[in-house]
Every structure is written in structure tokens, then in C-alpha cells.
């Protein structure tokens, strides 16, 4: 287990009386990647960029109601798993949060708190590792489907290409996907996941027109007579709209990742454009989501090296 713990990031929110450095050293020596916080706001800022496999909360660190903390946690990271270190008399309240991502209650009153937490982390890490393997399998399936449809997409793109060349217009290709789809499937079920994917598809059709948008499994593809900068601006509008609709319809915030490449800027070949955008989208999803990736221009002689983070 020790050799594999480093694959999982653990975020701790500890109380004011705990030794931050000692806490960090204990779990780092056990092999985990560790980030330790005392300020909930700083933790939430961190979670906007990085995705731990679990968050460990010392309830004495809370500066607001537990319900507010959990709501904000899941607003930033839907379905984020967390553990609680708390006095035993808080157990009745915490037990009501098992359907809100709580995986383990660790009594702060007992001896060997860190060792007990380590045992719980190992158990959750085994579960998380299995989910990660399943998630990779889940993400790879659309690749097989898209490969089968690649010829059709190439033909469609060639039609747009001829029109773009005749009218001297730019032509871009974007691949879009909801983040955390495996987690949504596990936590909310297949029906909600399909509704969320349909939401992404419908909003994309509204922004670019149905003739410019196709869907294949968990991805949406967009062919647009827009430059990279123009399509990125539209993608920000798309991100805002699915977050608003997600909160209104499902009660939590969705995010999406994307990959965008432009003909004659990132590749001169149709197949290259389709491949670069798909790979960029998947890379952004693997980095925690909420990002759009754009390959380096071919003028830099990178020939589509993947990709730059745009935030």
C-alpha cells in the first residue's frame, strides 16, 4: 500500500490547536500526498484548481455551520468524498451526512487519532483506486465510438472546410465533456447523467446551431466558423449557462472541460484537428476539469503538442 499511496491527494482542514507541520509530516511519511489547511476559505480556493481523492475535516476548524461548509464543498467539487474528525457527541448530527459524501467518522476523543485516520484513509484509498480504474474504462469507451465515427466526422469537417476556404473564414473544432461523469453516474445515477449530457448538448446547439453540433457518448463536438479566441469566449458562456441550469434543475453545479483547435493554426489536416481537440479535452478532464486546452500553434514547430492551460 505504501508504494501506491502517493497516487492519491488528501486535503486536511485541521483545528487551530493542531500542529500543522507535524500533521503533514505524519501522513507524508506514510506515503500520501498531503495538503494541510487551517482556513476553510483557503481550502476552497485550493479545491478550485486541484482534485483530492478525499478531504478530512476536523470540525473544530469550522467557521460556519456544517451544512454551509458541505454545500460549499460540493458546489466547488460535486460528490467530493470527505471524512470527519469530531467529538463523539457530534456523531448523531454527522451521521445524517452519509448521503452527502461523508465516508467515515473518526472520534477526536480517542487516542491515536492520526493512526486511526490513516487506517480509514487506506480503506477509502482502496475504494478510490478501484473507482479510478473504472473511470478510466468509462472514459475510454467514447474514444472507441469516436474512432468508428471519425470518418463521418472527417467528411462533415471537409464540407465545412470547403465553405470556410471559399468565404475566407476561420474554422475551429471543439470537443466538450462534462467533468466528473463517473462520479455523477455513481452518486446520482444513469438517468441524471444522461439528462446532464443532454443539457450540455442542447445548450451547445443553442449557442452554435444544431447543424454545427454532434454528440458521441459522453462528448459533444462543435464545428464552427470561429477563430480560437472567439470560440473560447463562447465556451465561457457555455460554462456559465450549464452551471446556472445545473443548479436550477439538479441542485448542484456542473462544470465542463474542452479541447479546441483551429485549422491551419494547430494543424493543416482534418484528422489532426479532430485528434488534437479530443486529446486536449481528455487531458483537461484528467487535470481536474473546468479547463479548456488549446494546442500550441504549428508555427512554433510543435506540430500540435498538447496543450496549454487556459484556466
Protein backbone atom coordinates (compact mmCIF):
# COMPACT_ATOMS: atom_id res chain seq x y z
CA UNK A 1 0.00 0.00 0.00
CA UNK A 2 2.81 2.43 0.86
CA UNK A 3 4.15 2.47 -2.70
CA UNK A 4 0.72 3.33 -4.11
CA UNK A 5 -0.50 5.91 -1.57
CA UNK A 6 1.33 8.71 -3.37
CA UNK A 7 -1.18 8.39 -6.22
CA UNK A 8 -3.88 9.92 -4.01
CA UNK A 9 -4.05 13.52 -2.79
CA UNK A 10 -5.50 14.12 0.70
CA UNK A 11 -6.59 17.56 1.90
CA UNK A 12 -6.86 18.17 5.67
CA UNK A 13 -8.73 21.02 7.33
CA UNK A 14 -7.39 20.93 10.88
CA UNK A 15 -8.33 22.80 14.04
CA UNK A 16 -6.47 25.80 15.46
CA UNK A 17 -4.87 23.71 18.24
CA UNK A 18 -3.34 21.10 15.93
CA UNK A 19 0.28 21.15 14.78
CA UNK A 20 0.08 21.71 11.05
CA UNK A 21 3.67 20.68 10.31
CA UNK A 22 3.52 17.57 12.47
CA UNK A 23 0.21 16.56 10.94
CA UNK A 24 1.58 16.97 7.43
CA UNK A 25 4.79 15.05 8.19
CA UNK A 26 2.94 12.07 9.68
CA UNK A 27 0.84 11.41 6.58
CA UNK A 28 3.60 12.29 4.12
CA UNK A 29 5.86 9.75 5.83
CA UNK A 30 3.03 7.25 5.40
CA UNK A 31 3.26 7.88 1.66
CA UNK A 32 0.29 10.14 0.89
CA UNK A 33 0.36 13.42 -0.99
CA UNK A 34 -0.87 15.87 1.65
CA UNK A 35 -2.14 19.44 1.78
CA UNK A 36 -3.00 20.79 5.26
CA UNK A 37 -5.15 23.88 5.81
CA UNK A 38 -6.45 25.76 8.84
CA UNK A 39 -8.56 28.27 6.93
CA UNK A 40 -11.67 26.88 5.15
CA UNK A 41 -11.56 29.67 2.54
CA UNK A 42 -8.01 28.78 1.56
CA UNK A 43 -9.02 25.12 1.27
CA UNK A 44 -11.90 26.02 -1.05
CA UNK A 45 -9.62 28.16 -3.22
CA UNK A 46 -7.26 25.19 -3.49
CA UNK A 47 -10.11 22.84 -4.46
CA UNK A 48 -10.97 25.07 -7.41
CA UNK A 49 -7.68 24.01 -9.01
CA UNK A 50 -6.90 20.57 -7.58
CA UNK A 51 -8.96 17.44 -7.01
CA UNK A 52 -8.14 15.31 -3.95
CA UNK A 53 -9.49 11.83 -3.57
CA UNK A 54 -10.73 12.83 -0.11
CA UNK A 55 -10.99 15.78 2.27
CA UNK A 56 -10.54 15.22 6.01
CA UNK A 57 -12.38 17.74 8.21
CA UNK A 58 -11.62 18.49 11.84
CA UNK A 59 -14.95 20.03 12.87
CA UNK A 60 -13.21 22.37 15.31
CA UNK A 61 -11.85 24.20 12.23
CA UNK A 62 -15.32 25.21 11.05
CA UNK A 63 -16.11 28.92 10.99
CA UNK A 64 -19.67 28.40 9.80
CA UNK A 65 -22.41 25.79 10.06
CA UNK A 66 -21.52 22.28 8.92
CA UNK A 67 -24.34 22.38 6.35
CA UNK A 68 -22.88 25.55 4.82
CA UNK A 69 -19.39 24.01 4.69
CA UNK A 70 -20.66 20.85 2.96
CA UNK A 71 -22.77 22.86 0.50
CA UNK A 72 -19.78 24.99 -0.46
CA UNK A 73 -17.56 21.92 -0.73
CA UNK A 74 -19.95 20.25 -3.17
CA UNK A 75 -20.58 23.49 -5.03
CA UNK A 76 -16.88 23.51 -5.90
CA UNK A 77 -16.38 19.74 -6.10
CA UNK A 78 -19.66 17.85 -6.73
CA UNK A 79 -19.72 14.46 -4.97
CA UNK A 80 -16.42 15.17 -3.17
CA UNK A 81 -15.84 12.48 -0.52
CA UNK A 82 -14.87 13.65 2.98
CA UNK A 83 -14.18 12.31 6.48
CA UNK A 84 -14.88 13.95 9.81
CA UNK A 85 -12.72 14.11 12.92
CA UNK A 86 -15.06 15.19 15.72
CA UNK A 87 -16.03 14.67 19.36
CA UNK A 88 -18.22 11.64 19.88
CA UNK A 89 -21.22 13.77 20.84
CA UNK A 90 -21.31 15.18 17.30
CA UNK A 91 -21.83 11.74 15.79
CA UNK A 92 -25.68 11.90 15.70
CA UNK A 93 -25.50 15.06 13.57
CA UNK A 94 -22.70 13.81 11.34
CA UNK A 95 -24.48 10.52 10.72
CA UNK A 96 -27.11 12.43 8.74
CA UNK A 97 -24.42 13.43 6.22
CA UNK A 98 -23.63 9.94 4.92
CA UNK A 99 -25.69 10.72 1.83
CA UNK A 100 -23.74 13.96 1.36
CA UNK A 101 -20.31 12.49 0.80
CA UNK A 102 -19.29 11.62 4.39
CA UNK A 103 -17.42 8.30 4.33
CA UNK A 104 -16.05 7.97 7.88
CA UNK A 105 -16.48 9.41 11.38
CA UNK A 106 -13.25 9.45 13.42
CA UNK A 107 -13.61 10.24 17.10
CA UNK A 108 -11.33 13.11 18.08
CA UNK A 109 -11.62 11.96 21.70
CA UNK A 110 -9.79 8.69 21.23
CA UNK A 111 -6.06 8.05 21.38
CA UNK A 112 -4.01 7.54 18.24
CA UNK A 113 -6.16 9.90 16.18
CA UNK A 114 -3.62 10.07 13.34
CA UNK A 115 -3.22 6.29 13.19
CA UNK A 116 -6.98 5.82 13.15
CA UNK A 117 -7.24 8.38 10.36
CA UNK A 118 -4.51 6.60 8.41
CA UNK A 119 -6.40 3.31 8.66
CA UNK A 120 -9.57 4.99 7.35
CA UNK A 121 -7.63 6.65 4.51
CA UNK A 122 -6.18 3.31 3.42
CA UNK A 123 -9.63 1.81 3.27
CA UNK A 124 -11.01 4.71 1.25
CA UNK A 125 -7.92 4.75 -0.97
CA UNK A 126 -8.54 1.15 -2.00
CA UNK A 127 -12.12 2.04 -2.93
CA UNK A 128 -10.96 5.21 -4.73
CA UNK A 129 -8.30 3.29 -6.70
CA UNK A 130 -10.92 0.84 -7.96
CA UNK A 131 -13.16 3.74 -8.97
CA UNK A 132 -10.31 5.42 -10.82
CA UNK A 133 -9.72 2.28 -12.87
CA UNK A 134 -13.43 2.07 -13.62
CA UNK A 135 -13.48 5.76 -14.53
CA UNK A 136 -10.62 5.30 -16.98
CA UNK A 137 -12.50 2.43 -18.61
CA UNK A 138 -15.61 4.64 -18.69
CA UNK A 139 -13.74 7.50 -20.38
CA UNK A 140 -12.03 5.25 -22.91
CA UNK A 141 -15.28 3.87 -24.28
CA UNK A 142 -16.22 7.10 -26.08
CA UNK A 143 -12.80 7.05 -27.76
CA UNK A 144 -13.67 3.75 -29.40
CA UNK A 145 -17.03 5.14 -30.53
CA UNK A 146 -15.46 8.34 -31.85
CA UNK A 147 -12.85 6.35 -33.77
CA UNK A 148 -15.65 4.47 -35.53
CA UNK A 149 -17.33 7.77 -36.34
CA UNK A 150 -14.08 9.57 -37.23
CA UNK A 151 -14.55 9.03 -40.95
CA UNK A 152 -18.01 10.56 -40.80
CA UNK A 153 -16.73 13.49 -38.78
CA UNK A 154 -13.88 13.96 -41.26
CA UNK A 155 -16.37 14.09 -44.12
CA UNK A 156 -18.51 16.65 -42.30
CA UNK A 157 -15.44 18.71 -41.39
CA UNK A 158 -14.27 18.64 -45.04
CA UNK A 159 -17.60 20.13 -46.10
CA UNK A 160 -17.21 22.96 -43.60
CA UNK A 161 -13.58 23.33 -44.70
CA UNK A 162 -14.55 23.94 -48.31
CA UNK A 163 -17.07 26.56 -47.26
CA UNK A 164 -14.57 28.24 -44.92
CA UNK A 165 -11.95 28.40 -47.70
CA UNK A 166 -14.44 29.78 -50.22
CA UNK A 167 -15.55 32.53 -47.82
CA UNK A 168 -12.08 33.09 -46.27
CA UNK A 169 -13.32 32.29 -42.79
CA UNK A 170 -11.58 30.55 -39.85
CA UNK A 171 -12.67 27.04 -38.92
CA UNK A 172 -12.34 25.52 -35.45
CA UNK A 173 -13.24 22.18 -33.91
CA UNK A 174 -14.09 21.76 -30.22
CA UNK A 175 -14.65 18.63 -28.14
CA UNK A 176 -16.59 19.22 -24.92
CA UNK A 177 -17.37 16.92 -21.99
CA UNK A 178 -18.91 17.20 -18.54
CA UNK A 179 -16.43 16.78 -15.71
CA UNK A 180 -16.68 14.01 -13.10
CA UNK A 181 -19.06 11.90 -15.20
CA UNK A 182 -18.19 8.67 -13.42
CA UNK A 183 -18.82 10.33 -10.06
CA UNK A 184 -22.16 11.69 -11.28
CA UNK A 185 -23.08 8.20 -12.50
CA UNK A 186 -22.14 6.58 -9.19
CA UNK A 187 -23.69 9.24 -6.96
CA UNK A 188 -26.80 10.33 -8.87
CA UNK A 189 -27.44 7.50 -11.32
CA UNK A 190 -27.57 6.99 -15.07
CA UNK A 191 -30.78 8.99 -15.59
CA UNK A 192 -29.29 12.19 -14.11
CA UNK A 193 -26.04 11.71 -16.05
CA UNK A 194 -27.93 11.38 -19.35
CA UNK A 195 -30.01 14.46 -18.53
CA UNK A 196 -26.84 16.43 -17.75
CA UNK A 197 -25.21 15.29 -21.03
CA UNK A 198 -28.35 16.27 -22.91
CA UNK A 199 -28.23 19.67 -21.19
CA UNK A 200 -24.68 20.21 -22.47
CA UNK A 201 -25.74 19.18 -25.98
CA UNK A 202 -28.84 21.41 -26.04
CA UNK A 203 -27.00 24.50 -24.76
CA UNK A 204 -24.26 23.90 -27.34
CA UNK A 205 -26.89 23.70 -30.10
CA UNK A 206 -28.39 26.97 -28.87
CA UNK A 207 -25.01 28.73 -28.99
CA UNK A 208 -23.66 27.36 -32.30
CA UNK A 209 -26.70 25.99 -34.11
CA UNK A 210 -27.79 22.36 -34.39
CA UNK A 211 -26.04 21.95 -37.76
CA UNK A 212 -22.70 22.62 -36.10
CA UNK A 213 -23.06 20.25 -33.12
CA UNK A 214 -22.93 16.46 -32.80
CA UNK A 215 -22.71 14.14 -29.80
CA UNK A 216 -20.99 10.79 -29.32
CA UNK A 217 -21.39 9.03 -25.98
CA UNK A 218 -20.10 11.41 -23.29
CA UNK A 219 -18.64 14.08 -25.62
CA UNK A 220 -20.11 16.91 -27.68
CA UNK A 221 -18.36 18.05 -30.88
CA UNK A 222 -18.64 21.53 -32.35
CA UNK A 223 -17.50 22.70 -35.82
CA UNK A 224 -17.57 26.49 -36.00
CA UNK A 225 -16.59 29.31 -38.35
CA UNK A 226 -14.91 30.97 -35.39
CA UNK A 227 -11.28 31.59 -34.53
CA UNK A 228 -9.83 30.03 -31.39
CA UNK A 229 -10.27 33.23 -29.39
CA UNK A 230 -13.89 33.59 -30.50
CA UNK A 231 -14.80 30.01 -29.66
CA UNK A 232 -13.12 30.30 -26.26
CA UNK A 233 -15.33 33.29 -25.47
CA UNK A 234 -18.41 31.30 -26.46
CA UNK A 235 -17.21 28.37 -24.35
CA UNK A 236 -17.12 30.61 -21.30
CA UNK A 237 -20.76 31.48 -21.98
CA UNK A 238 -21.49 27.75 -22.29
CA UNK A 239 -19.75 27.05 -18.97
CA UNK A 240 -21.79 29.77 -17.24
CA UNK A 241 -25.07 28.54 -18.69
CA UNK A 242 -24.66 24.87 -17.77
CA UNK A 243 -23.70 25.89 -14.23
CA UNK A 244 -26.84 28.01 -13.91
CA UNK A 245 -29.08 25.35 -15.43
CA UNK A 246 -27.43 22.62 -13.38
CA UNK A 247 -28.16 24.44 -10.13
CA UNK A 248 -31.73 25.19 -11.19
CA UNK A 249 -32.55 21.70 -12.48
CA UNK A 250 -30.43 19.39 -10.32
CA UNK A 251 -29.45 21.48 -7.30
CA UNK A 252 -25.69 21.35 -7.86
CA UNK A 253 -23.14 22.94 -10.18
CA UNK A 254 -21.74 21.15 -13.20
CA UNK A 255 -18.50 22.02 -14.91
CA UNK A 256 -17.14 21.02 -18.28
CA UNK A 257 -13.79 20.67 -19.98
CA UNK A 258 -12.95 21.22 -23.60
CA UNK A 259 -10.31 21.00 -26.28
CA UNK A 260 -10.19 23.44 -29.19
CA UNK A 261 -8.03 23.53 -32.31
CA UNK A 262 -8.18 25.69 -35.42
CA UNK A 263 -7.48 24.64 -38.99
CA UNK A 264 -4.15 25.95 -40.33
CA UNK A 265 -3.26 27.24 -36.88
CA UNK A 266 -2.87 24.00 -34.93
CA UNK A 267 -2.96 21.50 -37.80
CA UNK A 268 -3.39 21.61 -41.57
CA UNK A 269 -5.01 18.19 -41.64
CA UNK A 270 -8.60 17.34 -40.79
CA UNK A 271 -7.63 14.19 -38.90
CA UNK A 272 -5.08 16.18 -36.89
CA UNK A 273 -7.68 18.77 -35.85
CA UNK A 274 -10.14 16.12 -34.65
CA UNK A 275 -7.49 14.19 -32.74
CA UNK A 276 -5.89 17.25 -31.09
CA UNK A 277 -9.19 18.59 -29.76
CA UNK A 278 -10.25 15.23 -28.32
CA UNK A 279 -6.90 14.68 -26.62
CA UNK A 280 -6.87 18.22 -25.24
CA UNK A 281 -10.35 17.77 -23.75
CA UNK A 282 -9.42 14.50 -22.09
CA UNK A 283 -6.22 15.97 -20.71
CA UNK A 284 -8.15 18.86 -19.15
CA UNK A 285 -10.56 16.39 -17.55
CA UNK A 286 -7.64 14.44 -16.10
CA UNK A 287 -6.24 17.65 -14.57
CA UNK A 288 -9.39 18.18 -12.51
CA UNK A 289 -11.78 19.71 -15.02
CA UNK A 290 -13.15 23.19 -15.53
CA UNK A 291 -10.49 23.95 -18.15
CA UNK A 292 -10.13 24.31 -21.90
CA UNK A 293 -6.99 23.09 -23.65
CA UNK A 294 -5.56 24.57 -26.84
CA UNK A 295 -2.56 23.01 -28.64
CA UNK A 296 0.47 25.10 -29.47
CA UNK A 297 0.39 26.64 -32.98
CA UNK A 298 2.19 24.76 -35.70
CA UNK A 299 4.25 27.90 -36.38
CA UNK A 300 6.09 27.09 -33.16
CA UNK A 301 7.12 23.82 -34.80
CA UNK A 302 5.40 21.86 -32.08
CA UNK A 303 3.04 20.25 -34.62
CA UNK A 304 0.22 20.08 -32.13
CA UNK A 305 1.97 19.38 -28.86
CA UNK A 306 -0.61 19.12 -26.09
CA UNK A 307 -1.85 21.61 -24.68
CA UNK A 308 -1.67 24.93 -22.89
CA UNK A 309 -3.84 25.52 -19.80
CA UNK A 310 -6.18 28.44 -20.23
CA UNK A 311 -7.72 28.25 -16.78
